[in-house]
PDB file of all heavy atoms in Angstrom:
ATOM      1  N   LYS A   1     -25.967   5.620   0.801  1.00  0.00           N
ATOM      2  CA  LYS A   1     -26.682   4.526   1.480  1.00  0.00           C
ATOM      3  C   LYS A   1     -26.617   4.654   2.945  1.00  0.00           C
ATOM      4  O   LYS A   1     -25.519   4.993   3.451  1.00  0.00           O
ATOM      5  CB  LYS A   1     -26.126   3.095   1.050  1.00  0.00           C
ATOM      6  CG  LYS A   1     -26.378   2.806  -0.430  1.00  0.00           C
ATOM      7  CD  LYS A   1     -25.913   1.386  -0.758  1.00  0.00           C
ATOM      8  CE  LYS A   1     -26.230   0.966  -2.147  1.00  0.00           C
ATOM      9  NZ  LYS A   1     -25.755  -0.398  -2.473  1.00  0.00           N
ATOM     10  N   GLN A   2     -27.742   4.471   3.624  1.00  0.00           N
ATOM     11  CA  GLN A   2     -27.765   4.537   5.071  1.00  0.00           C
ATOM     12  C   GLN A   2     -26.849   3.477   5.663  1.00  0.00           C
ATOM     13  O   GLN A   2     -26.815   2.350   5.297  1.00  0.00           O
ATOM     14  CB  GLN A   2     -29.130   4.275   5.579  1.00  0.00           C
ATOM     15  CG  GLN A   2     -29.249   4.516   7.037  1.00  0.00           C
ATOM     16  CD  GLN A   2     -30.731   4.372   7.550  1.00  0.00           C
ATOM     17  OE1 GLN A   2     -31.629   4.018   6.727  1.00  0.00           O
ATOM     18  NE2 GLN A   2     -31.038   4.590   8.782  1.00  0.00           N
ATOM     19  N   GLY A   3     -25.986   3.929   6.576  1.00  0.00           N
ATOM     20  CA  GLY A   3     -25.119   2.997   7.311  1.00  0.00           C
ATOM     21  C   GLY A   3     -23.884   2.628   6.452  1.00  0.00           C
ATOM     22  O   GLY A   3     -23.057   1.764   6.887  1.00  0.00           O
ATOM     23  N   ARG A   4     -23.611   3.271   5.307  1.00  0.00           N
ATOM     24  CA  ARG A   4     -22.456   2.949   4.492  1.00  0.00           C
ATOM     25  C   ARG A   4     -21.671   4.224   4.282  1.00  0.00           C
ATOM     26  O   ARG A   4     -22.241   5.288   4.324  1.00  0.00           O
ATOM     27  CB  ARG A   4     -22.852   2.443   3.093  1.00  0.00           C
ATOM     28  CG  ARG A   4     -23.681   1.115   3.144  1.00  0.00           C
ATOM     29  CD  ARG A   4     -22.839  -0.048   3.763  1.00  0.00           C
ATOM     30  NE  ARG A   4     -21.641  -0.281   3.020  1.00  0.00           N
ATOM     31  CZ  ARG A   4     -21.531  -1.026   1.898  1.00  0.00           C
ATOM     32  NH1 ARG A   4     -22.612  -1.562   1.378  1.00  0.00           N
ATOM     33  NH2 ARG A   4     -20.370  -1.217   1.317  1.00  0.00           N
ATOM     34  N   SER A   5     -20.382   4.115   4.066  1.00  0.00           N
ATOM     35  CA  SER A   5     -19.444   5.248   3.882  1.00  0.00           C
ATOM     36  C   SER A   5     -18.213   4.839   3.189  1.00  0.00           C
ATOM     37  O   SER A   5     -18.019   3.620   3.049  1.00  0.00           O
ATOM     38  CB  SER A   5     -19.160   5.981   5.218  1.00  0.00           C
ATOM     39  OG  SER A   5     -18.275   5.154   5.909  1.00  0.00           O
ATOM     40  N   CYS A   6     -17.400   5.791   2.860  1.00  0.00           N
ATOM     41  CA  CYS A   6     -16.073   5.440   2.179  1.00  0.00           C
ATOM     42  C   CYS A   6     -15.216   4.632   3.137  1.00  0.00           C
ATOM     43  O   CYS A   6     -14.284   3.896   2.668  1.00  0.00           O
ATOM     44  CB  CYS A   6     -15.385   6.662   1.726  1.00  0.00           C
ATOM     45  SG  CYS A   6     -14.917   7.837   3.060  1.00  0.00           S
ATOM     46  N   ALA A   7     -15.438   4.780   4.454  1.00  0.00           N
ATOM     47  CA  ALA A   7     -14.603   4.077   5.434  1.00  0.00           C
ATOM     48  C   ALA A   7     -14.829   2.524   5.269  1.00  0.00           C
ATOM     49  O   ALA A   7     -13.847   1.727   5.548  1.00  0.00           O
ATOM     50  CB  ALA A   7     -15.050   4.418   6.903  1.00  0.00           C
ATOM     51  N   ASP A   8     -15.984   2.084   4.841  1.00  0.00           N
ATOM     52  CA  ASP A   8     -16.223   0.624   4.600  1.00  0.00           C
ATOM     53  C   ASP A   8     -15.297   0.103   3.543  1.00  0.00           C
ATOM     54  O   ASP A   8     -14.651  -0.992   3.730  1.00  0.00           O
ATOM     55  CB  ASP A   8     -17.674   0.400   4.075  1.00  0.00           C
ATOM     56  CG  ASP A   8     -18.742   0.745   5.104  1.00  0.00           C
ATOM     57  OD1 ASP A   8     -18.487   1.634   5.904  1.00  0.00           O
ATOM     58  OD2 ASP A   8     -19.813   0.098   5.085  1.00  0.00           O
ATOM     59  N   LEU A   9     -15.082   0.843   2.436  1.00  0.00           N
ATOM     60  CA  LEU A   9     -14.219   0.453   1.316  1.00  0.00           C
ATOM     61  C   LEU A   9     -12.714   0.467   1.759  1.00  0.00           C
ATOM     62  O   LEU A   9     -12.006  -0.424   1.417  1.00  0.00           O
ATOM     63  CB  LEU A   9     -14.491   1.256   0.110  1.00  0.00           C
ATOM     64  CG  LEU A   9     -15.952   1.255  -0.436  1.00  0.00           C
ATOM     65  CD1 LEU A   9     -15.985   2.054  -1.694  1.00  0.00           C
ATOM     66  CD2 LEU A   9     -16.503  -0.146  -0.582  1.00  0.00           C
ATOM     67  N   VAL A  10     -12.392   1.513   2.480  1.00  0.00           N
ATOM     68  CA  VAL A  10     -10.993   1.652   2.864  1.00  0.00           C
ATOM     69  C   VAL A  10     -10.759   0.526   3.849  1.00  0.00           C
ATOM     70  O   VAL A  10      -9.589  -0.061   3.764  1.00  0.00           O
ATOM     71  CB  VAL A  10     -10.731   3.042   3.515  1.00  0.00           C
ATOM     72  CG1 VAL A  10      -9.338   3.095   4.105  1.00  0.00           C
ATOM     73  CG2 VAL A  10     -10.874   4.128   2.490  1.00  0.00           C
ATOM     74  N   TRP A  11     -11.572   0.265   4.759  1.00  0.00           N
ATOM     75  CA  TRP A  11     -11.324  -0.829   5.782  1.00  0.00           C
ATOM     76  C   TRP A  11     -11.169  -2.149   5.102  1.00  0.00           C
ATOM     77  O   TRP A  11     -10.274  -2.950   5.354  1.00  0.00           O
ATOM     78  CB  TRP A  11     -12.490  -0.888   6.771  1.00  0.00           C
ATOM     79  CG  TRP A  11     -12.368  -1.936   7.878  1.00  0.00           C
ATOM     80  CD1 TRP A  11     -11.827  -1.722   9.086  1.00  0.00           C
ATOM     81  CD2 TRP A  11     -12.805  -3.268   7.790  1.00  0.00           C
ATOM     82  NE1 TRP A  11     -11.893  -2.891   9.799  1.00  0.00           N
ATOM     83  CE2 TRP A  11     -12.469  -3.844   9.016  1.00  0.00           C
ATOM     84  CE3 TRP A  11     -13.457  -4.066   6.806  1.00  0.00           C
ATOM     85  CZ2 TRP A  11     -12.763  -5.237   9.326  1.00  0.00           C
ATOM     86  CZ3 TRP A  11     -13.639  -5.379   7.101  1.00  0.00           C
ATOM     87  CH2 TRP A  11     -13.395  -5.963   8.369  1.00  0.00           C
ATOM     88  N   SER A  12     -12.039  -2.437   4.097  1.00  0.00           N
ATOM     89  CA  SER A  12     -11.978  -3.709   3.300  1.00  0.00           C
ATOM     90  C   SER A  12     -10.675  -3.890   2.620  1.00  0.00           C
ATOM     91  O   SER A  12     -10.109  -4.925   2.627  1.00  0.00           O
ATOM     92  CB  SER A  12     -13.176  -3.780   2.290  1.00  0.00           C
ATOM     93  OG  SER A  12     -14.420  -3.762   2.966  1.00  0.00           O
ATOM     94  N   GLN A  13     -10.174  -2.836   2.012  1.00  0.00           N
ATOM     95  CA  GLN A  13      -8.996  -2.921   1.200  1.00  0.00           C
ATOM     96  C   GLN A  13      -7.777  -3.104   2.096  1.00  0.00           C
ATOM     97  O   GLN A  13      -6.812  -3.825   1.817  1.00  0.00           O
ATOM     98  CB  GLN A  13      -8.778  -1.642   0.356  1.00  0.00           C
ATOM     99  CG  GLN A  13      -9.769  -1.548  -0.742  1.00  0.00           C
ATOM    100  CD  GLN A  13      -9.193  -1.926  -2.143  1.00  0.00           C
ATOM    101  OE1 GLN A  13      -8.013  -2.108  -2.301  1.00  0.00           O
ATOM    102  NE2 GLN A  13     -10.059  -2.085  -3.095  1.00  0.00           N
ATOM    103  N   ARG A  14      -7.848  -2.368   3.227  1.00  0.00           N
ATOM    104  CA  ARG A  14      -6.679  -2.555   4.245  1.00  0.00           C
ATOM    105  C   ARG A  14      -6.662  -3.956   4.875  1.00  0.00           C
ATOM    106  O   ARG A  14      -5.676  -4.466   5.155  1.00  0.00           O
ATOM    107  CB  ARG A  14      -6.797  -1.455   5.276  1.00  0.00           C
ATOM    108  CG  ARG A  14      -6.255  -0.130   4.732  1.00  0.00           C
ATOM    109  CD  ARG A  14      -6.194   0.936   5.816  1.00  0.00           C
ATOM    110  NE  ARG A  14      -5.679   2.216   5.281  1.00  0.00           N
ATOM    111  CZ  ARG A  14      -5.971   3.419   5.722  1.00  0.00           C
ATOM    112  NH1 ARG A  14      -6.687   3.517   6.778  1.00  0.00           N
ATOM    113  NH2 ARG A  14      -5.423   4.390   5.175  1.00  0.00           N
ATOM    114  N   MET A  15      -7.900  -4.562   5.022  1.00  0.00           N
ATOM    115  CA  MET A  15      -7.947  -5.929   5.509  1.00  0.00           C
ATOM    116  C   MET A  15      -7.305  -6.857   4.437  1.00  0.00           C
ATOM    117  O   MET A  15      -6.569  -7.704   4.772  1.00  0.00           O
ATOM    118  CB  MET A  15      -9.420  -6.328   5.741  1.00  0.00           C
ATOM    119  CG  MET A  15      -9.923  -5.765   7.036  1.00  0.00           C
ATOM    120  SD  MET A  15      -9.166  -6.458   8.533  1.00  0.00           S
ATOM    121  CE  MET A  15      -9.790  -8.172   8.396  1.00  0.00           C
ATOM    122  N   LEU A  16      -7.522  -6.597   3.202  1.00  0.00           N
ATOM    123  CA  LEU A  16      -6.951  -7.398   2.122  1.00  0.00           C
ATOM    124  C   LEU A  16      -5.399  -7.259   2.091  1.00  0.00           C
ATOM    125  O   LEU A  16      -4.677  -8.171   1.939  1.00  0.00           O
ATOM    126  CB  LEU A  16      -7.578  -6.981   0.746  1.00  0.00           C
ATOM    127  CG  LEU A  16      -8.990  -7.387   0.467  1.00  0.00           C
ATOM    128  CD1 LEU A  16      -9.463  -6.819  -0.765  1.00  0.00           C
ATOM    129  CD2 LEU A  16      -9.122  -8.940   0.440  1.00  0.00           C
ATOM    130  N   THR A  17      -4.986  -5.964   2.335  1.00  0.00           N
ATOM    131  CA  THR A  17      -3.524  -5.792   2.257  1.00  0.00           C
ATOM    132  C   THR A  17      -2.860  -6.401   3.441  1.00  0.00           C
ATOM    133  O   THR A  17      -1.721  -6.828   3.443  1.00  0.00           O
ATOM    134  CB  THR A  17      -3.165  -4.239   2.263  1.00  0.00           C
ATOM    135  OG1 THR A  17      -3.761  -3.694   3.427  1.00  0.00           O
ATOM    136  CG2 THR A  17      -3.714  -3.614   1.050  1.00  0.00           C
ATOM    137  N   SER A  18      -3.572  -6.488   4.597  1.00  0.00           N
ATOM    138  CA  SER A  18      -3.011  -7.173   5.782  1.00  0.00           C
ATOM    139  C   SER A  18      -2.776  -8.705   5.527  1.00  0.00           C
ATOM    140  O   SER A  18      -1.851  -9.259   5.999  1.00  0.00           O
ATOM    141  CB  SER A  18      -3.881  -6.937   7.045  1.00  0.00           C
ATOM    142  OG  SER A  18      -5.097  -7.628   6.875  1.00  0.00           O
ATOM    143  N   VAL A  19      -3.715  -9.239   4.768  1.00  0.00           N
ATOM    144  CA  VAL A  19      -3.595 -10.647   4.335  1.00  0.00           C
ATOM    145  C   VAL A  19      -2.391 -10.761   3.392  1.00  0.00           C
ATOM    146  O   VAL A  19      -1.611 -11.701   3.416  1.00  0.00           O
ATOM    147  CB  VAL A  19      -4.896 -11.183   3.714  1.00  0.00           C
ATOM    148  CG1 VAL A  19      -4.721 -12.659   3.172  1.00  0.00           C
ATOM    149  CG2 VAL A  19      -6.006 -11.146   4.726  1.00  0.00           C
ATOM    150  N   VAL A  20      -2.280  -9.800   2.494  1.00  0.00           N
ATOM    151  CA  VAL A  20      -1.170  -9.937   1.475  1.00  0.00           C
ATOM    152  C   VAL A  20       0.149  -9.856   2.220  1.00  0.00           C
ATOM    153  O   VAL A  20       1.057 -10.559   1.843  1.00  0.00           O
ATOM    154  CB  VAL A  20      -1.307  -8.719   0.544  1.00  0.00           C
ATOM    155  CG1 VAL A  20      -0.034  -8.547  -0.346  1.00  0.00           C
ATOM    156  CG2 VAL A  20      -2.494  -8.862  -0.353  1.00  0.00           C
ATOM    157  N   THR A  21       0.320  -9.034   3.233  1.00  0.00           N
ATOM    158  CA  THR A  21       1.600  -8.877   3.856  1.00  0.00           C
ATOM    159  C   THR A  21       1.824 -10.009   4.897  1.00  0.00           C
ATOM    160  O   THR A  21       3.000 -10.050   5.469  1.00  0.00           O
ATOM    161  CB  THR A  21       1.654  -7.511   4.654  1.00  0.00           C
ATOM    162  OG1 THR A  21       0.553  -7.403   5.574  1.00  0.00           O
ATOM    163  CG2 THR A  21       1.605  -6.378   3.714  1.00  0.00           C
ATOM    164  N   ARG A  22       0.912 -10.904   5.192  1.00  0.00           N
ATOM    165  CA  ARG A  22       1.162 -12.005   6.084  1.00  0.00           C
ATOM    166  C   ARG A  22       1.011 -13.375   5.494  1.00  0.00           C
ATOM    167  O   ARG A  22       1.347 -14.328   6.144  1.00  0.00           O
ATOM    168  CB  ARG A  22       0.102 -11.867   7.279  1.00  0.00           C
ATOM    169  CG  ARG A  22       0.494 -10.728   8.192  1.00  0.00           C
ATOM    170  CD  ARG A  22      -0.688 -10.432   9.196  1.00  0.00           C
ATOM    171  NE  ARG A  22      -0.347  -9.413  10.202  1.00  0.00           N
ATOM    172  CZ  ARG A  22      -0.290  -8.157  10.010  1.00  0.00           C
ATOM    173  NH1 ARG A  22      -0.630  -7.657   8.808  1.00  0.00           N
ATOM    174  NH2 ARG A  22       0.049  -7.272  10.924  1.00  0.00           N
ATOM    175  N   ARG A  23       0.414 -13.495   4.238  1.00  0.00           N
ATOM    176  CA  ARG A  23       0.214 -14.727   3.650  1.00  0.00           C
ATOM    177  C   ARG A  23       0.688 -14.777   2.181  1.00  0.00           C
ATOM    178  O   ARG A  23       0.948 -13.715   1.654  1.00  0.00           O
ATOM    179  CB  ARG A  23      -1.278 -15.170   3.773  1.00  0.00           C
ATOM    180  CG  ARG A  23      -1.744 -15.210   5.149  1.00  0.00           C
ATOM    181  CD  ARG A  23      -3.218 -15.708   5.217  1.00  0.00           C
ATOM    182  NE  ARG A  23      -3.704 -15.657   6.580  1.00  0.00           N
ATOM    183  CZ  ARG A  23      -4.972 -15.920   6.917  1.00  0.00           C
ATOM    184  NH1 ARG A  23      -5.851 -16.252   5.972  1.00  0.00           N
ATOM    185  NH2 ARG A  23      -5.389 -15.899   8.167  1.00  0.00           N
ATOM    186  N   GLU A  24       0.647 -15.955   1.615  1.00  0.00           N
ATOM    187  CA  GLU A  24       1.048 -16.000   0.194  1.00  0.00           C
ATOM    188  C   GLU A  24      -0.238 -15.648  -0.637  1.00  0.00           C
ATOM    189  O   GLU A  24      -1.043 -16.612  -1.102  1.00  0.00           O
ATOM    190  CB  GLU A  24       1.515 -17.450  -0.133  1.00  0.00           C
ATOM    191  CG  GLU A  24       2.795 -17.822   0.515  1.00  0.00           C
ATOM    192  CD  GLU A  24       3.927 -16.902   0.069  1.00  0.00           C
ATOM    193  OE1 GLU A  24       3.926 -16.562  -1.093  1.00  0.00           O
ATOM    194  OE2 GLU A  24       4.896 -16.622   0.874  1.00  0.00           O
ATOM    195  N   PHE A  25      -0.492 -14.424  -0.912  1.00  0.00           N
ATOM    196  CA  PHE A  25      -1.650 -14.010  -1.604  1.00  0.00           C
ATOM    197  C   PHE A  25      -1.402 -12.610  -2.227  1.00  0.00           C
ATOM    198  O   PHE A  25      -0.682 -11.757  -1.586  1.00  0.00           O
ATOM    199  CB  PHE A  25      -2.856 -13.879  -0.586  1.00  0.00           C
ATOM    200  CG  PHE A  25      -4.087 -13.146  -1.124  1.00  0.00           C
ATOM    201  CD1 PHE A  25      -4.886 -13.786  -2.010  1.00  0.00           C
ATOM    202  CD2 PHE A  25      -4.412 -11.917  -0.722  1.00  0.00           C
ATOM    203  CE1 PHE A  25      -6.014 -13.133  -2.561  1.00  0.00           C
ATOM    204  CE2 PHE A  25      -5.515 -11.221  -1.188  1.00  0.00           C
ATOM    205  CZ  PHE A  25      -6.257 -11.817  -2.180  1.00  0.00           C
ATOM    206  N   GLU A  26      -1.828 -12.374  -3.340  1.00  0.00           N
ATOM    207  CA  GLU A  26      -1.756 -11.054  -3.976  1.00  0.00           C
ATOM    208  C   GLU A  26      -2.945 -10.813  -4.901  1.00  0.00           C
ATOM    209  O   GLU A  26      -3.691 -11.737  -5.241  1.00  0.00           O
ATOM    210  CB  GLU A  26      -0.560 -10.881  -4.793  1.00  0.00           C
ATOM    211  CG  GLU A  26      -0.437 -11.767  -5.988  1.00  0.00           C
ATOM    212  CD  GLU A  26       0.818 -11.512  -6.795  1.00  0.00           C
ATOM    213  OE1 GLU A  26       1.906 -11.776  -6.236  1.00  0.00           O
ATOM    214  OE2 GLU A  26       0.692 -11.014  -7.926  1.00  0.00           O
ATOM    215  N   TYR A  27      -3.269  -9.519  -5.163  1.00  0.00           N
ATOM    216  CA  TYR A  27      -4.379  -9.253  -6.045  1.00  0.00           C
ATOM    217  C   TYR A  27      -4.034  -7.943  -6.756  1.00  0.00           C
ATOM    218  O   TYR A  27      -3.085  -7.267  -6.412  1.00  0.00           O
ATOM    219  CB  TYR A  27      -5.705  -9.080  -5.232  1.00  0.00           C
ATOM    220  CG  TYR A  27      -5.774  -7.865  -4.381  1.00  0.00           C
ATOM    221  CD1 TYR A  27      -6.358  -6.696  -4.802  1.00  0.00           C
ATOM    222  CD2 TYR A  27      -5.300  -7.880  -3.043  1.00  0.00           C
ATOM    223  CE1 TYR A  27      -6.526  -5.613  -3.990  1.00  0.00           C
ATOM    224  CE2 TYR A  27      -5.340  -6.809  -2.252  1.00  0.00           C
ATOM    225  CZ  TYR A  27      -5.989  -5.677  -2.702  1.00  0.00           C
ATOM    226  OH  TYR A  27      -6.062  -4.528  -1.886  1.00  0.00           O
ATOM    227  N   SER A  28      -4.789  -7.637  -7.870  1.00  0.00           N
ATOM    228  CA  SER A  28      -4.641  -6.518  -8.614  1.00  0.00           C
ATOM    229  C   SER A  28      -5.840  -5.756  -8.745  1.00  0.00           C
ATOM    230  O   SER A  28      -6.915  -6.340  -8.571  1.00  0.00           O
ATOM    231  CB  SER A  28      -4.076  -6.858 -10.052  1.00  0.00           C
ATOM    232  OG  SER A  28      -2.851  -7.617 -10.002  1.00  0.00           O
ATOM    233  N   LYS A  29      -5.862  -4.521  -9.066  1.00  0.00           N
ATOM    234  CA  LYS A  29      -7.014  -3.696  -9.128  1.00  0.00           C
ATOM    235  C   LYS A  29      -6.831  -2.541 -10.108  1.00  0.00           C
ATOM    236  O   LYS A  29      -5.739  -2.127 -10.323  1.00  0.00           O
ATOM    237  CB  LYS A  29      -7.481  -3.158  -7.749  1.00  0.00           C
ATOM    238  CG  LYS A  29      -6.444  -2.138  -7.133  1.00  0.00           C
ATOM    239  CD  LYS A  29      -7.076  -1.560  -5.855  1.00  0.00           C
ATOM    240  CE  LYS A  29      -6.145  -0.537  -5.311  1.00  0.00           C
ATOM    241  NZ  LYS A  29      -6.721   0.247  -4.159  1.00  0.00           N
ATOM    242  N   ILE A  30      -7.975  -2.132 -10.747  1.00  0.00           N
ATOM    243  CA  ILE A  30      -7.902  -0.958 -11.635  1.00  0.00           C
ATOM    244  C   ILE A  30      -8.897   0.016 -11.107  1.00  0.00           C
ATOM    245  O   ILE A  30     -10.090  -0.245 -10.843  1.00  0.00           O
ATOM    246  CB  ILE A  30      -8.298  -1.394 -13.059  1.00  0.00           C
ATOM    247  CG1 ILE A  30      -7.201  -2.223 -13.682  1.00  0.00           C
ATOM    248  CG2 ILE A  30      -8.589  -0.163 -13.916  1.00  0.00           C
ATOM    249  CD1 ILE A  30      -7.350  -2.580 -15.142  1.00  0.00           C
ATOM    250  N   ASN A  31      -8.347   1.240 -10.869  1.00  0.00           N
ATOM    251  CA  ASN A  31      -9.282   2.342 -10.457  1.00  0.00           C
ATOM    252  C   ASN A  31      -9.763   3.056 -11.711  1.00  0.00           C
ATOM    253  O   ASN A  31      -8.960   3.626 -12.427  1.00  0.00           O
ATOM    254  CB  ASN A  31      -8.600   3.275  -9.545  1.00  0.00           C
ATOM    255  CG  ASN A  31      -9.476   4.471  -9.021  1.00  0.00           C
ATOM    256  OD1 ASN A  31      -9.663   5.455  -9.777  1.00  0.00           O
ATOM    257  ND2 ASN A  31     -10.011   4.329  -7.887  1.00  0.00           N
ATOM    258  N   ILE A  32     -11.066   3.068 -11.989  1.00  0.00           N
ATOM    259  CA  ILE A  32     -11.588   3.620 -13.146  1.00  0.00           C
ATOM    260  C   ILE A  32     -12.048   5.014 -12.877  1.00  0.00           C
ATOM    261  O   ILE A  32     -12.930   5.340 -12.045  1.00  0.00           O
ATOM    262  CB  ILE A  32     -12.759   2.787 -13.694  1.00  0.00           C
ATOM    263  CG1 ILE A  32     -12.354   1.385 -14.020  1.00  0.00           C
ATOM    264  CG2 ILE A  32     -13.395   3.427 -14.909  1.00  0.00           C
ATOM    265  CD1 ILE A  32     -13.444   0.481 -14.446  1.00  0.00           C
ATOM    266  N   ASP A  33     -11.413   6.020 -13.605  1.00  0.00           N
ATOM    267  CA  ASP A  33     -11.787   7.387 -13.443  1.00  0.00           C
ATOM    268  C   ASP A  33     -12.602   7.783 -14.665  1.00  0.00           C
ATOM    269  O   ASP A  33     -12.167   7.506 -15.805  1.00  0.00           O
ATOM    270  CB  ASP A  33     -10.605   8.273 -13.339  1.00  0.00           C
ATOM    271  CG  ASP A  33     -10.915   9.723 -13.073  1.00  0.00           C
ATOM    272  OD1 ASP A  33     -11.119  10.071 -11.888  1.00  0.00           O
ATOM    273  OD2 ASP A  33     -11.106  10.491 -14.018  1.00  0.00           O
ATOM    274  N   MET A  34     -13.742   8.449 -14.507  1.00  0.00           N
ATOM    275  CA  MET A  34     -14.661   8.827 -15.596  1.00  0.00           C
ATOM    276  C   MET A  34     -14.575  10.351 -15.746  1.00  0.00           C
ATOM    277  O   MET A  34     -14.468  11.055 -14.846  1.00  0.00           O
ATOM    278  CB  MET A  34     -16.016   8.381 -15.333  1.00  0.00           C
ATOM    279  CG  MET A  34     -16.086   6.858 -15.261  1.00  0.00           C
ATOM    280  SD  MET A  34     -17.816   6.281 -14.913  1.00  0.00           S
ATOM    281  CE  MET A  34     -17.443   4.610 -14.385  1.00  0.00           C
ATOM    282  N   THR A  35     -14.698  10.791 -16.963  1.00  0.00           N
ATOM    283  CA  THR A  35     -14.669  12.197 -17.372  1.00  0.00           C
ATOM    284  C   THR A  35     -16.051  12.768 -17.297  1.00  0.00           C
ATOM    285  O   THR A  35     -17.020  12.384 -17.868  1.00  0.00           O
ATOM    286  CB  THR A  35     -14.182  12.421 -18.881  1.00  0.00           C
ATOM    287  OG1 THR A  35     -12.917  11.757 -18.934  1.00  0.00           O
ATOM    288  CG2 THR A  35     -14.114  13.825 -19.185  1.00  0.00           C
ATOM    289  N   ALA A  36     -16.198  13.839 -16.376  1.00  0.00           N
ATOM    290  CA  ALA A  36     -17.432  14.538 -16.165  1.00  0.00           C
ATOM    291  C   ALA A  36     -18.626  13.599 -16.077  1.00  0.00           C
ATOM    292  O   ALA A  36     -19.656  13.797 -16.691  1.00  0.00           O
ATOM    293  CB  ALA A  36     -17.622  15.542 -17.449  1.00  0.00           C
ATOM    294  N   ALA A  37     -18.466  12.596 -15.182  1.00  0.00           N
ATOM    295  CA  ALA A  37     -19.476  11.512 -15.108  1.00  0.00           C
ATOM    296  C   ALA A  37     -20.907  11.959 -14.917  1.00  0.00           C
ATOM    297  O   ALA A  37     -21.831  11.609 -15.561  1.00  0.00           O
ATOM    298  CB  ALA A  37     -19.082  10.586 -14.020  1.00  0.00           C
ATOM    299  N   PHE A  38     -21.116  12.943 -13.968  1.00  0.00           N
ATOM    300  CA  PHE A  38     -22.400  13.306 -13.623  1.00  0.00           C
ATOM    301  C   PHE A  38     -23.061  14.106 -14.776  1.00  0.00           C
ATOM    302  O   PHE A  38     -24.334  14.223 -14.829  1.00  0.00           O
ATOM    303  CB  PHE A  38     -22.454  14.178 -12.369  1.00  0.00           C
ATOM    304  CG  PHE A  38     -22.260  13.402 -11.099  1.00  0.00           C
ATOM    305  CD1 PHE A  38     -21.276  12.518 -10.928  1.00  0.00           C
ATOM    306  CD2 PHE A  38     -23.265  13.579 -10.072  1.00  0.00           C
ATOM    307  CE1 PHE A  38     -21.114  11.768  -9.738  1.00  0.00           C
ATOM    308  CE2 PHE A  38     -23.035  12.862  -8.879  1.00  0.00           C
ATOM    309  CZ  PHE A  38     -22.012  11.947  -8.691  1.00  0.00           C
ATOM    310  N   ASN A  39     -22.249  14.661 -15.647  1.00  0.00           N
ATOM    311  CA  ASN A  39     -22.737  15.607 -16.704  1.00  0.00           C
ATOM    312  C   ASN A  39     -23.101  14.937 -17.928  1.00  0.00           C
ATOM    313  O   ASN A  39     -23.610  15.603 -18.854  1.00  0.00           O
ATOM    314  CB  ASN A  39     -21.651  16.639 -16.994  1.00  0.00           C
ATOM    315  CG  ASN A  39     -21.252  17.427 -15.709  1.00  0.00           C
ATOM    316  OD1 ASN A  39     -21.919  17.367 -14.755  1.00  0.00           O
ATOM    317  ND2 ASN A  39     -20.163  18.154 -15.800  1.00  0.00           N
ATOM    318  N   THR A  40     -22.866  13.651 -18.123  1.00  0.00           N
ATOM    319  CA  THR A  40     -23.003  12.993 -19.410  1.00  0.00           C
ATOM    320  C   THR A  40     -24.176  11.977 -19.434  1.00  0.00           C
ATOM    321  O   THR A  40     -24.538  11.524 -20.539  1.00  0.00           O
ATOM    322  CB  THR A  40     -21.728  12.244 -19.782  1.00  0.00           C
ATOM    323  OG1 THR A  40     -21.392  11.216 -18.823  1.00  0.00           O
ATOM    324  CG2 THR A  40     -20.543  13.186 -19.904  1.00  0.00           C
ATOM    325  N   ILE A  41     -24.681  11.580 -18.295  1.00  0.00           N
ATOM    326  CA  ILE A  41     -25.712  10.479 -18.320  1.00  0.00           C
ATOM    327  C   ILE A  41     -26.964  10.989 -18.988  1.00  0.00           C
ATOM    328  O   ILE A  41     -27.323  12.152 -18.818  1.00  0.00           O
ATOM    329  CB  ILE A  41     -26.016  10.009 -16.852  1.00  0.00           C
ATOM    330  CG1 ILE A  41     -26.374  11.199 -15.903  1.00  0.00           C
ATOM    331  CG2 ILE A  41     -24.768   9.263 -16.331  1.00  0.00           C
ATOM    332  CD1 ILE A  41     -26.667  10.777 -14.500  1.00  0.00           C
ATOM    333  N   ARG A  42     -27.664  10.055 -19.630  1.00  0.00           N
ATOM    334  CA  ARG A  42     -28.897  10.394 -20.279  1.00  0.00           C
ATOM    335  C   ARG A  42     -30.064  10.263 -19.393  1.00  0.00           C
ATOM    336  O   ARG A  42     -30.152   9.312 -18.611  1.00  0.00           O
ATOM    337  CB  ARG A  42     -29.124   9.474 -21.568  1.00  0.00           C
ATOM    338  CG  ARG A  42     -28.068   9.674 -22.614  1.00  0.00           C
ATOM    339  CD  ARG A  42     -28.394   8.914 -23.898  1.00  0.00           C
ATOM    340  NE  ARG A  42     -28.475   7.497 -23.663  1.00  0.00           N
ATOM    341  CZ  ARG A  42     -27.459   6.637 -23.954  1.00  0.00           C
ATOM    342  NH1 ARG A  42     -26.271   7.153 -24.441  1.00  0.00           N
ATOM    343  NH2 ARG A  42     -27.514   5.400 -23.688  1.00  0.00           N
ATOM    344  N   ARG A  43     -30.959  11.229 -19.471  1.00  0.00           N
ATOM    345  CA  ARG A  43     -32.108  11.223 -18.546  1.00  0.00           C
ATOM    346  C   ARG A  43     -33.133  10.173 -18.814  1.00  0.00           C
ATOM    347  O   ARG A  43     -33.770   9.630 -17.838  1.00  0.00           O
ATOM    348  CB  ARG A  43     -32.750  12.682 -18.569  1.00  0.00           C
ATOM    349  CG  ARG A  43     -31.804  13.689 -17.937  1.00  0.00           C
ATOM    350  CD  ARG A  43     -32.313  15.014 -17.890  1.00  0.00           C
ATOM    351  NE  ARG A  43     -31.338  15.950 -17.389  1.00  0.00           N
ATOM    352  CZ  ARG A  43     -31.539  17.235 -17.257  1.00  0.00           C
ATOM    353  NH1 ARG A  43     -32.659  17.810 -17.693  1.00  0.00           N
ATOM    354  NH2 ARG A  43     -30.616  18.035 -16.696  1.00  0.00           N
ATOM    355  N   GLN A  44     -33.295   9.789 -20.041  1.00  0.00           N
ATOM    356  CA  GLN A  44     -34.199   8.721 -20.444  1.00  0.00           C
ATOM    357  C   GLN A  44     -33.731   7.347 -19.816  1.00  0.00           C
ATOM    358  O   GLN A  44     -34.469   6.539 -19.400  1.00  0.00           O
ATOM    359  CB  GLN A  44     -34.511   8.585 -21.887  1.00  0.00           C
ATOM    360  CG  GLN A  44     -35.505   7.613 -22.353  1.00  0.00           C
ATOM    361  CD  GLN A  44     -36.846   7.904 -21.638  1.00  0.00           C
ATOM    362  OE1 GLN A  44     -37.348   9.021 -21.740  1.00  0.00           O
ATOM    363  NE2 GLN A  44     -37.432   6.841 -21.018  1.00  0.00           N
TER     364      GLN A  44
END
């Protein structure tokens, strides 16, 4: 996407962690890894 990059997501997560380390707040996350993702999608 124009004007977007992985830095956007890293910045967002580090902003969240800064709130976690300074306030009473916590969150959880699951990183989903897919097997051969680009190779399995159906063209139709």
